[in-house]
């Protein structure tokens, strides 16, 4: 089994261990992996305007708030905890921060457009009039931004799980 590690000098080293060897550290790492594999994930985005962000996620996107304090707004996203962190400054990133898998992308896009959501248009991508791009896999994707400029996406996979 290959073992890759960074040494104290910062260099990458690689060695091969016999599969029959067992080290307490390896067992410990497997235990952590098992714990995280069975743990519910929590997702985060950030906001500089909590009131505007809460209104968007709650009233436009339809997520149910579960709590709010001086640090964050917590919403339920179909059983996944979404924590909107309250920050002083935010530099929105050009890649997707949060996304949803939907059954009918066109229907969701139309409903969100009716609520005032503007979908992103990318000149380098062939998108429909609704802003939907079809990936080589056949999945359909549309992007939009929250009030803070966080890029969000909706995906209709080729087969829905």
Foldseek 3Di string as FASTA:
>chain_A
DKDWDQDPVRDIDIDDDDPVDDDPVVVVVVVVVVVVVPDADAAEAEDQDQVQQCCCCCVLVNWAWDDDDPFWTWTQDPNHIYTYGHDNDDDADPDAREEEEDADVVVSLVSSVVVVWDWDADPVFDADPSQWGQDPQRKIKIWTAGPRRHIYMYIHHPDDD
